[in-house]
N, C-alpha and C. Protein backbone atom coordinates (compact mmCIF):
# COMPACT_ATOMS: atom_id res chain seq x y z
N UNK A 1 -7.65 100.15 96.20
CA UNK A 1 -6.70 99.52 95.54
C UNK A 1 -6.87 97.99 95.73
N UNK A 2 -6.92 97.28 94.75
CA UNK A 2 -6.99 95.86 94.88
C UNK A 2 -5.79 95.26 94.75
N UNK A 3 -5.62 94.17 95.58
CA UNK A 3 -4.39 93.35 95.80
C UNK A 3 -4.63 91.96 95.53
N UNK A 4 -3.91 91.16 94.68
CA UNK A 4 -4.25 89.92 94.25
C UNK A 4 -3.40 88.82 95.11
N UNK A 5 -4.13 87.82 95.53
CA UNK A 5 -3.61 86.84 96.37
C UNK A 5 -3.96 85.41 95.68
N UNK A 6 -3.38 84.34 96.33
CA UNK A 6 -3.91 83.06 96.01
C UNK A 6 -4.76 82.54 97.09
N UNK A 7 -6.07 82.15 96.98
CA UNK A 7 -6.94 81.72 97.84
C UNK A 7 -6.56 80.30 98.44
N UNK A 8 -7.03 79.94 99.65
CA UNK A 8 -6.70 78.55 100.24
C UNK A 8 -7.17 77.45 99.18
N UNK A 9 -8.16 77.70 98.26
CA UNK A 9 -8.61 76.62 97.46
C UNK A 9 -7.87 76.88 96.09
N UNK A 10 -6.77 77.79 96.06
CA UNK A 10 -6.01 77.79 94.86
C UNK A 10 -6.47 78.74 93.90
N UNK A 11 -7.57 79.31 94.02
CA UNK A 11 -8.19 80.39 93.12
C UNK A 11 -7.55 81.80 93.34
N UNK A 12 -7.56 82.65 92.36
CA UNK A 12 -7.05 83.87 92.49
C UNK A 12 -8.17 84.73 93.36
N UNK A 13 -7.65 85.56 94.30
CA UNK A 13 -8.50 86.25 95.13
C UNK A 13 -8.09 87.69 95.09
N UNK A 14 -8.93 88.74 94.84
CA UNK A 14 -8.69 90.04 94.93
C UNK A 14 -9.35 90.57 96.23
N UNK A 15 -8.45 91.45 96.84
CA UNK A 15 -8.82 92.18 98.10
C UNK A 15 -8.69 93.61 97.87
N UNK A 16 -9.74 94.28 98.47
CA UNK A 16 -9.62 95.69 98.48
C UNK A 16 -8.91 96.12 99.58
N UNK A 17 -7.68 96.63 99.62
CA UNK A 17 -6.81 96.93 100.90
C UNK A 17 -7.54 97.93 101.78
N UNK A 18 -8.33 98.72 101.22
CA UNK A 18 -8.86 99.74 102.12
C UNK A 18 -9.94 99.26 103.08
N UNK A 19 -10.44 97.96 102.81
CA UNK A 19 -11.55 97.28 103.59
C UNK A 19 -11.08 96.32 104.75
N UNK A 20 -9.76 96.05 104.60
CA UNK A 20 -9.20 95.09 105.52
C UNK A 20 -9.20 95.83 106.97
N UNK A 21 -9.75 94.91 107.80
CA UNK A 21 -9.83 95.40 109.32
C UNK A 21 -8.85 94.65 110.26
N UNK A 22 -8.41 93.34 109.84
CA UNK A 22 -7.60 92.43 110.71
C UNK A 22 -7.00 91.53 109.79
N UNK A 23 -5.74 91.11 110.13
CA UNK A 23 -4.94 90.04 109.39
C UNK A 23 -4.22 89.20 110.56
N UNK A 24 -4.44 87.82 110.34
CA UNK A 24 -3.88 87.00 111.33
C UNK A 24 -3.45 85.66 110.57
N UNK A 25 -2.23 85.21 111.35
CA UNK A 25 -1.50 84.05 110.69
C UNK A 25 -2.26 82.80 111.28
N UNK A 26 -2.45 81.93 110.37
CA UNK A 26 -3.16 80.62 110.60
C UNK A 26 -2.26 79.42 110.02
N UNK A 27 -2.57 78.23 110.47
CA UNK A 27 -1.91 77.06 109.81
C UNK A 27 -1.82 76.99 108.35
N UNK A 28 -2.79 77.24 107.80
CA UNK A 28 -2.75 77.15 106.26
C UNK A 28 -2.39 78.33 105.57
N UNK A 29 -2.04 79.43 106.14
CA UNK A 29 -1.56 80.70 105.44
C UNK A 29 -1.90 81.93 106.27
N UNK A 30 -2.76 82.86 105.71
CA UNK A 30 -3.10 84.00 106.42
C UNK A 30 -4.57 84.35 106.33
N UNK A 31 -5.21 84.65 107.26
CA UNK A 31 -6.72 85.11 107.13
C UNK A 31 -6.74 86.52 107.21
N UNK A 32 -7.41 87.06 106.14
CA UNK A 32 -7.65 88.52 105.95
C UNK A 32 -9.22 88.81 106.30
N UNK A 33 -9.46 89.65 107.25
CA UNK A 33 -10.77 89.98 107.67
C UNK A 33 -11.26 91.35 107.20
N UNK A 34 -12.57 91.54 107.03
CA UNK A 34 -13.25 92.60 106.56
C UNK A 34 -14.41 92.92 107.57
N UNK A 35 -15.01 93.98 107.38
CA UNK A 35 -16.20 94.20 108.25
C UNK A 35 -17.14 93.33 108.19
N UNK A 36 -18.13 93.29 109.04
CA UNK A 36 -19.22 92.37 109.10
C UNK A 36 -19.03 90.84 108.97
N UNK A 37 -18.05 90.49 109.66
CA UNK A 37 -17.79 88.91 109.71
C UNK A 37 -17.19 88.28 108.60
N UNK A 38 -16.94 89.09 107.46
CA UNK A 38 -16.43 88.42 106.30
C UNK A 38 -14.76 88.27 106.27
N UNK A 39 -14.45 87.27 105.67
CA UNK A 39 -12.94 86.99 105.71
C UNK A 39 -12.59 86.12 104.55
N UNK A 40 -11.37 86.22 104.15
CA UNK A 40 -10.79 85.13 103.09
C UNK A 40 -9.43 84.61 103.75
N UNK A 41 -9.11 83.42 103.32
CA UNK A 41 -7.99 82.81 103.69
C UNK A 41 -7.18 82.74 102.48
N UNK A 42 -5.78 83.06 102.65
CA UNK A 42 -4.88 83.10 101.41
C UNK A 42 -3.76 82.19 101.92
N UNK A 43 -2.87 81.71 100.85
CA UNK A 43 -1.90 80.92 101.15
C UNK A 43 -0.39 81.60 101.47
N UNK A 44 -0.55 82.91 101.02
CA UNK A 44 0.78 83.78 101.33
C UNK A 44 0.99 83.85 102.65
N UNK A 45 2.25 83.86 103.26
CA UNK A 45 2.61 84.15 104.57
C UNK A 45 2.14 85.49 105.09
N UNK A 46 1.91 85.83 106.30
CA UNK A 46 1.55 87.03 106.90
C UNK A 46 2.35 88.19 106.52
N UNK A 47 3.79 88.12 106.48
CA UNK A 47 4.71 88.90 106.27
C UNK A 47 4.50 89.60 104.90
N UNK A 48 4.20 88.64 103.89
CA UNK A 48 4.01 89.07 102.42
C UNK A 48 2.71 89.82 102.37
N UNK A 49 1.72 89.18 103.09
CA UNK A 49 0.36 89.88 102.85
C UNK A 49 0.47 91.29 103.32
N UNK A 50 1.09 91.46 104.56
CA UNK A 50 1.14 92.79 105.12
C UNK A 50 1.98 93.81 104.20
N UNK A 51 3.10 93.26 103.62
CA UNK A 51 3.80 94.17 102.65
C UNK A 51 3.04 94.50 101.54
N UNK A 52 2.33 93.72 100.87
CA UNK A 52 1.57 93.96 99.77
C UNK A 52 0.28 94.89 99.94
N UNK A 53 -0.21 94.61 101.05
CA UNK A 53 -1.30 95.57 101.59
C UNK A 53 -0.86 96.93 101.83
N UNK A 54 0.31 97.08 102.48
CA UNK A 54 0.95 98.46 102.82
C UNK A 54 1.42 98.95 101.56
N UNK A 55 1.90 98.46 100.69
CA UNK A 55 2.35 99.09 99.36
C UNK A 55 1.03 99.58 98.57
N UNK A 56 0.00 98.80 98.62
CA UNK A 56 -1.35 99.32 97.91
C UNK A 56 -1.82 100.55 98.56
N UNK A 57 -1.53 100.54 99.89
CA UNK A 57 -2.23 101.82 100.62
C UNK A 57 -1.42 103.10 100.64
N UNK A 58 -0.06 102.83 100.21
CA UNK A 58 0.84 104.05 100.23
C UNK A 58 0.39 105.16 99.14
N UNK A 59 0.47 106.37 99.42
CA UNK A 59 0.09 107.43 98.42
C UNK A 59 1.00 107.24 97.23
N UNK A 60 0.34 107.44 96.15
CA UNK A 60 1.31 107.32 94.74
C UNK A 60 1.37 108.71 94.29
N UNK A 61 2.57 108.84 93.65
CA UNK A 61 3.00 110.21 93.06
C UNK A 61 2.09 110.46 91.90
């Protein structure tokens, strides 16, 4: 499931919620990490990022 965020450079960023391995709060927003050292920084606060990722991962009826 893809989740849309706004990247640190103000571009739209799509994240595959199933590939996220770690989420951390940083000064400029939130860093979302994936396997193999890949990451993206988004401007949304960590609470919003976690909520949107969790919603995307919930089973749908």
